N, C-alpha and C. Protein backbone atom coordinates (compact mmCIF):
# COMPACT_ATOMS: atom_id res chain seq x y z
N UNK A 1 26.19 6.66 29.32
CA UNK A 1 24.82 6.26 29.07
C UNK A 1 24.78 4.73 28.92
N UNK A 2 23.88 4.12 29.66
CA UNK A 2 23.71 2.67 29.59
C UNK A 2 23.14 2.26 28.23
N UNK A 3 23.37 1.00 27.88
CA UNK A 3 22.87 0.47 26.62
C UNK A 3 21.35 0.55 26.54
N UNK A 4 20.66 0.18 27.61
CA UNK A 4 19.20 0.20 27.62
C UNK A 4 18.68 1.62 27.42
N UNK A 5 19.32 2.58 28.08
CA UNK A 5 18.92 3.98 27.95
C UNK A 5 19.19 4.47 26.52
N UNK A 6 20.32 4.06 25.98
CA UNK A 6 20.66 4.46 24.61
C UNK A 6 19.64 3.93 23.61
N UNK A 7 19.23 2.66 23.79
CA UNK A 7 18.22 2.07 22.90
C UNK A 7 16.89 2.81 23.00
N UNK A 8 16.53 3.22 24.20
CA UNK A 8 15.29 3.97 24.39
C UNK A 8 15.34 5.32 23.68
N UNK A 9 16.45 6.02 23.83
CA UNK A 9 16.61 7.32 23.16
C UNK A 9 16.56 7.15 21.64
N UNK A 10 17.22 6.12 21.14
CA UNK A 10 17.22 5.86 19.70
C UNK A 10 15.81 5.57 19.19
N UNK A 11 15.05 4.75 19.92
CA UNK A 11 13.67 4.44 19.52
C UNK A 11 12.81 5.71 19.53
N UNK A 12 12.95 6.54 20.56
CA UNK A 12 12.18 7.79 20.64
C UNK A 12 12.54 8.71 19.47
N UNK A 13 13.82 8.78 19.15
CA UNK A 13 14.27 9.63 18.04
C UNK A 13 13.72 9.12 16.71
N UNK A 14 13.78 7.81 16.50
CA UNK A 14 13.28 7.23 15.25
C UNK A 14 11.77 7.42 15.11
N UNK A 15 11.04 7.33 16.23
CA UNK A 15 9.60 7.61 16.18
C UNK A 15 9.36 9.05 15.74
N UNK A 16 10.17 9.96 16.26
CA UNK A 16 10.03 11.37 15.86
C UNK A 16 10.29 11.57 14.38
N UNK A 17 11.32 10.91 13.86
CA UNK A 17 11.64 11.01 12.43
C UNK A 17 10.49 10.46 11.59
N UNK A 18 9.95 9.33 11.99
CA UNK A 18 8.84 8.73 11.26
C UNK A 18 7.64 9.66 11.23
N UNK A 19 7.30 10.23 12.38
CA UNK A 19 6.16 11.15 12.42
C UNK A 19 6.39 12.36 11.52
N UNK A 20 7.62 12.88 11.49
CA UNK A 20 7.92 14.01 10.62
C UNK A 20 7.75 13.64 9.15
N UNK A 21 8.20 12.45 8.77
CA UNK A 21 8.06 12.01 7.38
C UNK A 21 6.60 11.85 6.99
N UNK A 22 5.80 11.30 7.89
CA UNK A 22 4.37 11.15 7.62
C UNK A 22 3.72 12.52 7.48
N UNK A 23 4.07 13.44 8.37
CA UNK A 23 3.50 14.80 8.33
C UNK A 23 3.89 15.52 7.04
N UNK A 24 5.14 15.39 6.61
CA UNK A 24 5.57 16.01 5.35
C UNK A 24 4.72 15.52 4.19
N UNK A 25 4.44 14.22 4.17
CA UNK A 25 3.59 13.67 3.13
C UNK A 25 2.19 14.26 3.16
N UNK A 26 1.63 14.41 4.36
CA UNK A 26 0.30 15.02 4.50
C UNK A 26 0.32 16.45 4.00
N UNK A 27 1.32 17.22 4.43
CA UNK A 27 1.39 18.64 4.04
C UNK A 27 1.54 18.82 2.53
N UNK A 28 2.23 17.90 1.89
CA UNK A 28 2.45 17.98 0.45
C UNK A 28 1.41 17.21 -0.35
N UNK A 29 0.37 16.73 0.33
CA UNK A 29 -0.72 15.99 -0.30
C UNK A 29 -0.22 14.82 -1.15
N UNK A 30 0.79 14.11 -0.64
CA UNK A 30 1.32 12.94 -1.32
C UNK A 30 0.51 11.71 -0.94
N UNK A 31 0.58 10.65 -1.73
CA UNK A 31 -0.11 9.41 -1.35
C UNK A 31 0.41 8.92 -0.01
N UNK A 32 -0.44 8.22 0.73
CA UNK A 32 -0.04 7.68 2.03
C UNK A 32 1.10 6.68 1.86
N UNK A 33 2.01 6.70 2.82
CA UNK A 33 3.18 5.81 2.79
C UNK A 33 2.79 4.38 3.14
N UNK A 34 3.66 3.46 2.76
CA UNK A 34 3.58 2.10 3.28
C UNK A 34 4.91 1.82 3.98
N UNK A 35 5.00 0.68 4.66
CA UNK A 35 6.20 0.40 5.46
C UNK A 35 7.45 0.28 4.60
N UNK A 36 7.34 -0.24 3.39
CA UNK A 36 8.50 -0.38 2.52
C UNK A 36 9.05 0.99 2.09
N UNK A 37 8.16 1.89 1.69
CA UNK A 37 8.59 3.24 1.32
C UNK A 37 9.24 3.95 2.49
N UNK A 38 8.63 3.83 3.65
CA UNK A 38 9.16 4.47 4.85
C UNK A 38 10.53 3.91 5.20
N UNK A 39 10.68 2.60 5.13
CA UNK A 39 11.97 1.96 5.41
C UNK A 39 13.03 2.48 4.46
N UNK A 40 12.71 2.57 3.18
CA UNK A 40 13.65 3.07 2.18
C UNK A 40 14.06 4.51 2.48
N UNK A 41 13.10 5.34 2.85
CA UNK A 41 13.40 6.73 3.19
C UNK A 41 14.32 6.81 4.40
N UNK A 42 14.07 5.99 5.41
CA UNK A 42 14.91 5.99 6.61
C UNK A 42 16.33 5.54 6.29
N UNK A 43 16.47 4.55 5.44
CA UNK A 43 17.81 4.10 5.05
C UNK A 43 18.57 5.21 4.34
N UNK A 44 17.88 5.97 3.49
CA UNK A 44 18.52 7.09 2.79
C UNK A 44 18.92 8.20 3.75
N UNK A 45 18.29 8.23 4.93
CA UNK A 45 18.62 9.21 5.96
C UNK A 45 19.67 8.67 6.93
N UNK A 46 20.31 7.55 6.56
CA UNK A 46 21.35 6.90 7.37
C UNK A 46 20.81 6.35 8.68
N UNK A 47 19.53 6.00 8.71
CA UNK A 47 18.93 5.32 9.86
C UNK A 47 18.99 3.83 9.57
N UNK A 48 20.11 3.21 9.88
CA UNK A 48 20.33 1.81 9.57
C UNK A 48 19.47 0.94 10.47
N UNK A 49 18.52 0.26 9.84
CA UNK A 49 17.63 -0.63 10.58
C UNK A 49 16.97 -1.58 9.60
N UNK A 50 16.47 -2.68 10.12
CA UNK A 50 15.76 -3.63 9.29
C UNK A 50 14.31 -3.23 9.08
N UNK A 51 13.71 -3.83 8.09
CA UNK A 51 12.31 -3.53 7.80
C UNK A 51 11.41 -3.94 8.96
N UNK A 52 11.73 -5.03 9.62
CA UNK A 52 10.93 -5.46 10.78
C UNK A 52 10.99 -4.42 11.90
N UNK A 53 12.14 -3.76 12.06
CA UNK A 53 12.24 -2.71 13.07
C UNK A 53 11.32 -1.55 12.75
N UNK A 54 11.20 -1.22 11.46
CA UNK A 54 10.30 -0.14 11.05
C UNK A 54 8.86 -0.53 11.36
N UNK A 55 8.50 -1.78 11.06
CA UNK A 55 7.15 -2.25 11.36
C UNK A 55 6.88 -2.16 12.87
N UNK A 56 7.85 -2.55 13.68
CA UNK A 56 7.70 -2.47 15.14
C UNK A 56 7.51 -1.04 15.59
N UNK A 57 8.30 -0.10 15.05
CA UNK A 57 8.14 1.31 15.42
C UNK A 57 6.77 1.83 15.02
N UNK A 58 6.29 1.43 13.86
CA UNK A 58 4.95 1.84 13.41
C UNK A 58 3.87 1.24 14.32
N UNK A 59 4.05 0.00 14.73
CA UNK A 59 3.11 -0.62 15.66
C UNK A 59 3.11 0.12 17.00
N UNK A 60 4.30 0.51 17.46
CA UNK A 60 4.41 1.29 18.70
C UNK A 60 3.63 2.60 18.56
N UNK A 61 3.83 3.30 17.44
CA UNK A 61 3.16 4.58 17.23
C UNK A 61 1.64 4.41 17.15
N UNK A 62 1.20 3.27 16.65
CA UNK A 62 -0.25 3.00 16.61
C UNK A 62 -0.79 2.77 18.01
N UNK A 63 -0.06 2.00 18.81
CA UNK A 63 -0.48 1.74 20.19
C UNK A 63 -0.54 3.06 20.97
N UNK A 64 0.37 3.97 20.67
CA UNK A 64 0.39 5.28 21.33
C UNK A 64 -0.68 6.22 20.76
N UNK A 65 -1.39 5.76 19.74
CA UNK A 65 -2.47 6.49 19.08
C UNK A 65 -1.99 7.72 18.31
N UNK A 66 -0.77 7.67 17.79
CA UNK A 66 -0.26 8.77 16.97
C UNK A 66 -0.46 8.53 15.48
N UNK A 67 -0.60 7.27 15.08
CA UNK A 67 -0.82 6.95 13.67
C UNK A 67 -1.86 5.84 13.55
N UNK A 68 -2.33 5.68 12.31
CA UNK A 68 -3.17 4.55 11.97
C UNK A 68 -2.72 4.03 10.62
N UNK A 69 -3.06 2.82 10.29
CA UNK A 69 -2.67 2.23 9.01
C UNK A 69 -3.51 1.00 8.74
N UNK A 70 -3.41 0.51 7.51
CA UNK A 70 -4.05 -0.74 7.11
C UNK A 70 -2.98 -1.83 7.21
N UNK A 71 -3.34 -2.95 7.83
CA UNK A 71 -2.39 -4.05 8.00
C UNK A 71 -2.88 -5.28 7.24
N UNK A 72 -2.01 -5.87 6.45
CA UNK A 72 -2.33 -7.10 5.72
C UNK A 72 -1.18 -8.08 5.88
N UNK A 73 -1.47 -9.34 5.62
CA UNK A 73 -0.44 -10.38 5.64
C UNK A 73 -0.19 -10.79 4.20
N UNK A 74 1.07 -10.70 3.77
CA UNK A 74 1.44 -11.15 2.44
C UNK A 74 1.50 -12.68 2.47
N UNK A 75 0.61 -13.32 1.74
CA UNK A 75 0.53 -14.78 1.78
C UNK A 75 1.76 -15.46 1.20
N UNK A 76 2.44 -14.80 0.27
CA UNK A 76 3.63 -15.39 -0.35
C UNK A 76 4.84 -15.35 0.57
N UNK A 77 5.02 -14.21 1.25
CA UNK A 77 6.21 -14.05 2.08
C UNK A 77 5.94 -14.31 3.56
N UNK A 78 4.69 -14.24 3.97
CA UNK A 78 4.36 -14.38 5.38
C UNK A 78 4.64 -13.12 6.19
N UNK A 79 4.96 -12.04 5.50
CA UNK A 79 5.29 -10.77 6.17
C UNK A 79 4.05 -9.94 6.43
N UNK A 80 4.07 -9.22 7.52
CA UNK A 80 3.05 -8.20 7.77
C UNK A 80 3.40 -7.00 6.91
N UNK A 81 2.42 -6.45 6.23
CA UNK A 81 2.63 -5.25 5.41
C UNK A 81 1.67 -4.17 5.89
N UNK A 82 2.21 -2.97 6.07
CA UNK A 82 1.43 -1.84 6.54
C UNK A 82 1.32 -0.81 5.42
N UNK A 83 0.12 -0.32 5.19
CA UNK A 83 -0.08 0.67 4.13
C UNK A 83 -1.06 1.74 4.62
N UNK A 84 -1.23 2.76 3.81
CA UNK A 84 -2.15 3.86 4.15
C UNK A 84 -1.83 4.46 5.52
N UNK A 85 -0.53 4.66 5.78
CA UNK A 85 -0.08 5.19 7.08
C UNK A 85 -0.46 6.66 7.17
N UNK A 86 -1.15 7.04 8.25
CA UNK A 86 -1.57 8.42 8.43
C UNK A 86 -1.57 8.80 9.91
N UNK A 87 -1.47 10.10 10.15
CA UNK A 87 -1.52 10.60 11.52
C UNK A 87 -2.95 10.54 12.04
N UNK A 88 -3.09 10.27 13.31
CA UNK A 88 -4.38 10.38 13.99
C UNK A 88 -4.50 11.82 14.49
N UNK A 89 -5.62 12.13 15.12
CA UNK A 89 -5.79 13.46 15.71
C UNK A 89 -4.72 13.71 16.77
N UNK A 90 -4.43 12.69 17.59
CA UNK A 90 -3.39 12.84 18.62
C UNK A 90 -2.03 13.05 17.99
N UNK A 91 -1.75 12.35 16.90
CA UNK A 91 -0.48 12.51 16.19
C UNK A 91 -0.35 13.89 15.59
N UNK A 92 -1.43 14.40 15.03
CA UNK A 92 -1.42 15.74 14.46
C UNK A 92 -1.18 16.78 15.55
N UNK A 93 -1.85 16.63 16.69
CA UNK A 93 -1.63 17.57 17.81
C UNK A 93 -0.18 17.55 18.26
N UNK A 94 0.40 16.36 18.35
CA UNK A 94 1.81 16.23 18.75
C UNK A 94 2.72 16.95 17.76
N UNK A 95 2.43 16.79 16.46
CA UNK A 95 3.26 17.42 15.43
C UNK A 95 3.11 18.94 15.45
N UNK A 96 1.90 19.42 15.68
CA UNK A 96 1.67 20.87 15.71
C UNK A 96 2.41 21.50 16.89
N UNK A 97 2.35 20.84 18.04
CA UNK A 97 3.06 21.34 19.22
C UNK A 97 4.56 21.19 19.01
N UNK A 98 4.98 20.07 18.41
CA UNK A 98 6.38 19.84 18.08
C UNK A 98 7.30 19.69 19.28
N UNK A 99 6.74 19.25 20.39
CA UNK A 99 7.52 19.11 21.60
C UNK A 99 7.72 17.64 21.93
N UNK A 100 8.94 17.27 22.25
CA UNK A 100 9.23 15.88 22.64
C UNK A 100 8.46 15.49 23.88
N UNK A 101 8.23 14.19 24.03
CA UNK A 101 7.62 13.67 25.25
C UNK A 101 8.32 12.35 25.61
N UNK A 102 7.74 11.59 26.50
CA UNK A 102 8.38 10.34 26.94
C UNK A 102 8.46 9.29 25.84
N UNK A 103 7.63 9.43 24.80
CA UNK A 103 7.56 8.43 23.73
C UNK A 103 8.26 8.83 22.44
N UNK A 104 8.33 10.12 22.19
CA UNK A 104 8.83 10.65 20.91
C UNK A 104 9.84 11.76 21.18
N UNK A 105 10.95 11.72 20.43
CA UNK A 105 11.98 12.74 20.57
C UNK A 105 12.12 13.48 19.25
N UNK A 106 11.87 14.77 19.27
CA UNK A 106 12.09 15.61 18.10
C UNK A 106 13.39 16.38 18.29
N UNK A 107 14.23 16.38 17.27
CA UNK A 107 15.45 17.19 17.35
C UNK A 107 15.86 17.65 15.99
């Protein structure tokens, strides 16, 4: 497997994991996640990545219309912060079907 293909598979898999974590929160009626909480959860799942990578994956999922969130700029750090992360109708349909596609890999 080429490096580029491997990176694509890894990104698709991580998107699937993120969507599952968001859905679990919805099902358990937990408060909406923010990017820091999600990053911490992923690290505990041995998904070694930086916080900026998590933000990028969340931005990708928003562009794909699977999630929505509130975005703010932290004036002290200059970082983008994402909060109130939730599934959109398209994201919910994807989770209910539970089938991988070109953008998301469930396993």
